[in-house]
């Protein structure tokens, strides 16, 4: 199965404590406490997540707290709240979104062959 089609859904009546590793999309409508490693994280309205997060992209409509690393785009929507220590590649905020965090930008990396002459 192609990783881009994989979705892990944590329903609103679910409490999960532990570690999640997923190559696809992780959608949180309930509560997750622990470590999340994956490609795309979506915290839906009412969803809450607390822990160590390491993902490529994140879209936050609910609450995200902890040690957070988002290598590409982190979008905090109007209903979203993010707090903790945050590393990000790019950051987008909608009016009404809450960001109370220590922020650090992750510089982009260069892919492919690199020939540099000085």
C-alpha atoms as a PDB file:
ATOM      1  CA  UNK A   1       0.000   0.000   0.000  1.00  0.00           C
ATOM      2  CA  UNK A   2       1.227   3.488  -0.869  1.00  0.00           C
ATOM      3  CA  UNK A   3       2.152   5.432   2.307  1.00  0.00           C
ATOM      4  CA  UNK A   4       0.277   8.524   1.079  1.00  0.00           C
ATOM      5  CA  UNK A   5      -3.015   6.566   1.277  1.00  0.00           C
ATOM      6  CA  UNK A   6      -2.481   5.344   4.849  1.00  0.00           C
ATOM      7  CA  UNK A   7      -4.600   7.087   7.485  1.00  0.00           C
ATOM      8  CA  UNK A   8      -4.614   6.476  11.221  1.00  0.00           C
ATOM      9  CA  UNK A   9      -7.741   7.968  12.825  1.00  0.00           C
ATOM     10  CA  UNK A  10      -8.029   8.451  16.585  1.00  0.00           C
ATOM     11  CA  UNK A  11     -11.775   8.944  17.183  1.00  0.00           C
ATOM     12  CA  UNK A  12     -13.183  11.547  19.577  1.00  0.00           C
ATOM     13  CA  UNK A  13     -14.086   8.954  22.223  1.00  0.00           C
ATOM     14  CA  UNK A  14     -10.576   7.432  22.190  1.00  0.00           C
ATOM     15  CA  UNK A  15      -7.726   8.012  24.658  1.00  0.00           C
ATOM     16  CA  UNK A  16      -4.384   6.684  23.476  1.00  0.00           C
ATOM     17  CA  UNK A  17      -1.165   6.713  25.520  1.00  0.00           C
ATOM     18  CA  UNK A  18       1.996   5.415  23.887  1.00  0.00           C
ATOM     19  CA  UNK A  19       3.885   5.683  20.616  1.00  0.00           C
ATOM     20  CA  UNK A  20       2.521   6.142  17.096  1.00  0.00           C
ATOM     21  CA  UNK A  21       4.689   5.595  14.026  1.00  0.00           C
ATOM     22  CA  UNK A  22       2.907   5.977  10.705  1.00  0.00           C
ATOM     23  CA  UNK A  23       4.147   6.715   7.199  1.00  0.00           C
ATOM     24  CA  UNK A  24       0.858   8.249   6.151  1.00  0.00           C
ATOM     25  CA  UNK A  25      -1.597  10.689   7.723  1.00  0.00           C
ATOM     26  CA  UNK A  26      -2.449  10.735  11.426  1.00  0.00           C
ATOM     27  CA  UNK A  27      -5.776  12.365  12.345  1.00  0.00           C
ATOM     28  CA  UNK A  28      -6.526  13.016  15.999  1.00  0.00           C
ATOM     29  CA  UNK A  29     -10.104  13.701  17.085  1.00  0.00           C
ATOM     30  CA  UNK A  30      -9.670  12.249  20.595  1.00  0.00           C
ATOM     31  CA  UNK A  31      -6.758  12.440  23.048  1.00  0.00           C
ATOM     32  CA  UNK A  32      -3.208  11.218  22.434  1.00  0.00           C
ATOM     33  CA  UNK A  33      -0.365  11.344  24.948  1.00  0.00           C
ATOM     34  CA  UNK A  34       3.083  10.097  23.961  1.00  0.00           C
ATOM     35  CA  UNK A  35       5.340  10.067  20.928  1.00  0.00           C
ATOM     36  CA  UNK A  36       4.175  10.601  17.353  1.00  0.00           C
ATOM     37  CA  UNK A  37       6.432  10.035  14.344  1.00  0.00           C
ATOM     38  CA  UNK A  38       4.882  10.354  10.912  1.00  0.00           C
ATOM     39  CA  UNK A  39       4.341  12.246   7.700  1.00  0.00           C
ATOM     40  CA  UNK A  40       1.203  14.366   8.133  1.00  0.00           C
ATOM     41  CA  UNK A  41      -0.475  15.176  11.438  1.00  0.00           C
ATOM     42  CA  UNK A  42      -3.954  16.677  11.645  1.00  0.00           C
ATOM     43  CA  UNK A  43      -5.380  17.555  15.057  1.00  0.00           C
ATOM     44  CA  UNK A  44      -9.105  18.063  14.471  1.00  0.00           C
ATOM     45  CA  UNK A  45     -11.349  20.468  16.460  1.00  0.00           C
ATOM     46  CA  UNK A  46     -11.734  18.995  19.946  1.00  0.00           C
ATOM     47  CA  UNK A  47      -8.689  16.784  19.404  1.00  0.00           C
ATOM     48  CA  UNK A  48      -5.846  17.015  21.916  1.00  0.00           C
ATOM     49  CA  UNK A  49      -2.286  15.804  21.655  1.00  0.00           C
ATOM     50  CA  UNK A  50       0.491  16.039  24.243  1.00  0.00           C
ATOM     51  CA  UNK A  51       3.991  14.652  23.858  1.00  0.00           C
ATOM     52  CA  UNK A  52       6.941  14.435  21.506  1.00  0.00           C
ATOM     53  CA  UNK A  53       5.955  15.087  17.898  1.00  0.00           C
ATOM     54  CA  UNK A  54       8.177  14.546  14.824  1.00  0.00           C
ATOM     55  CA  UNK A  55       6.318  14.979  11.526  1.00  0.00           C
ATOM     56  CA  UNK A  56       6.776  16.433   8.056  1.00  0.00           C
ATOM     57  CA  UNK A  57       3.646  18.621   8.182  1.00  0.00           C
ATOM     58  CA  UNK A  58       0.968  19.502  10.730  1.00  0.00           C
ATOM     59  CA  UNK A  59      -2.455  21.112  10.552  1.00  0.00           C
ATOM     60  CA  UNK A  60      -3.793  22.107  13.959  1.00  0.00           C
ATOM     61  CA  UNK A  61      -7.504  22.765  14.591  1.00  0.00           C
ATOM     62  CA  UNK A  62      -7.414  21.414  18.173  1.00  0.00           C
ATOM     63  CA  UNK A  63      -4.700  21.418  20.861  1.00  0.00           C
ATOM     64  CA  UNK A  64      -1.054  20.381  20.429  1.00  0.00           C
ATOM     65  CA  UNK A  65       1.432  20.542  23.325  1.00  0.00           C
ATOM     66  CA  UNK A  66       4.986  19.350  23.894  1.00  0.00           C
ATOM     67  CA  UNK A  67       8.279  18.960  22.051  1.00  0.00           C
ATOM     68  CA  UNK A  68       7.195  19.540  18.463  1.00  0.00           C
ATOM     69  CA  UNK A  69       9.226  19.215  15.270  1.00  0.00           C
ATOM     70  CA  UNK A  70       7.491  19.937  11.954  1.00  0.00           C
ATOM     71  CA  UNK A  71      10.042  19.866   9.131  1.00  0.00           C
ATOM     72  CA  UNK A  72       7.829  21.470   6.498  1.00  0.00           C
ATOM     73  CA  UNK A  73       4.609  23.458   7.011  1.00  0.00           C
ATOM     74  CA  UNK A  74       2.862  23.823  10.357  1.00  0.00           C
ATOM     75  CA  UNK A  75      -0.585  25.442  10.001  1.00  0.00           C
ATOM     76  CA  UNK A  76      -2.337  26.680  13.129  1.00  0.00           C
ATOM     77  CA  UNK A  77      -6.001  27.191  12.252  1.00  0.00           C
ATOM     78  CA  UNK A  78      -8.398  29.672  13.889  1.00  0.00           C
ATOM     79  CA  UNK A  79      -9.524  27.088  16.476  1.00  0.00           C
ATOM     80  CA  UNK A  80      -6.022  25.674  17.006  1.00  0.00           C
ATOM     81  CA  UNK A  81      -3.718  26.018  19.990  1.00  0.00           C
ATOM     82  CA  UNK A  82      -0.015  25.081  20.063  1.00  0.00           C
ATOM     83  CA  UNK A  83       2.287  25.276  23.086  1.00  0.00           C
ATOM     84  CA  UNK A  84       5.711  23.964  24.044  1.00  0.00           C
ATOM     85  CA  UNK A  85       9.022  23.897  22.201  1.00  0.00           C
ATOM     86  CA  UNK A  86       8.388  24.107  18.463  1.00  0.00           C
ATOM     87  CA  UNK A  87      10.757  23.624  15.535  1.00  0.00           C
ATOM     88  CA  UNK A  88       9.232  24.296  12.132  1.00  0.00           C
ATOM     89  CA  UNK A  89      10.173  24.652   8.468  1.00  0.00           C
ATOM     90  CA  UNK A  90       7.361  27.088   7.600  1.00  0.00           C
ATOM     91  CA  UNK A  91       4.612  28.477   9.790  1.00  0.00           C
ATOM     92  CA  UNK A  92       1.090  29.634   8.905  1.00  0.00           C
ATOM     93  CA  UNK A  93      -1.347  31.135  11.426  1.00  0.00           C
ATOM     94  CA  UNK A  94      -5.009  31.945  10.980  1.00  0.00           C
ATOM     95  CA  UNK A  95      -6.620  34.784  12.916  1.00  0.00           C
ATOM     96  CA  UNK A  96      -7.797  33.393  16.255  1.00  0.00           C
ATOM     97  CA  UNK A  97      -5.194  30.634  16.426  1.00  0.00           C
ATOM     98  CA  UNK A  98      -3.078  30.465  19.590  1.00  0.00           C
ATOM     99  CA  UNK A  99       0.684  29.917  19.593  1.00  0.00           C
ATOM    100  CA  UNK A 100       2.402  30.040  22.990  1.00  0.00           C
ATOM    101  CA  UNK A 101       5.754  28.407  22.379  1.00  0.00           C
ATOM    102  CA  UNK A 102       9.496  28.698  22.130  1.00  0.00           C
ATOM    103  CA  UNK A 103       9.969  28.789  18.355  1.00  0.00           C
ATOM    104  CA  UNK A 104      12.929  27.771  16.242  1.00  0.00           C
ATOM    105  CA  UNK A 105      13.015  27.722  12.455  1.00  0.00           C
ATOM    106  CA  UNK A 106      14.532  24.645  10.805  1.00  0.00           C
ATOM    107  CA  UNK A 107      16.537  25.799   7.766  1.00  0.00           C
ATOM    108  CA  UNK A 108      15.643  24.032   4.511  1.00  0.00           C
ATOM    109  CA  UNK A 109      17.972  21.302   3.301  1.00  0.00           C
ATOM    110  CA  UNK A 110      19.398  20.954  -0.172  1.00  0.00           C
ATOM    111  CA  UNK A 111      18.643  17.665  -1.864  1.00  0.00           C
ATOM    112  CA  UNK A 112      20.521  15.940  -4.655  1.00  0.00           C
ATOM    113  CA  UNK A 113      24.115  16.350  -5.754  1.00  0.00           C
ATOM    114  CA  UNK A 114      25.851  19.540  -4.804  1.00  0.00           C
ATOM    115  CA  UNK A 115      29.017  20.787  -6.507  1.00  0.00           C
ATOM    116  CA  UNK A 116      30.443  23.812  -4.776  1.00  0.00           C
ATOM    117  CA  UNK A 117      33.605  25.624  -5.874  1.00  0.00           C
ATOM    118  CA  UNK A 118      35.173  28.408  -3.877  1.00  0.00           C
END
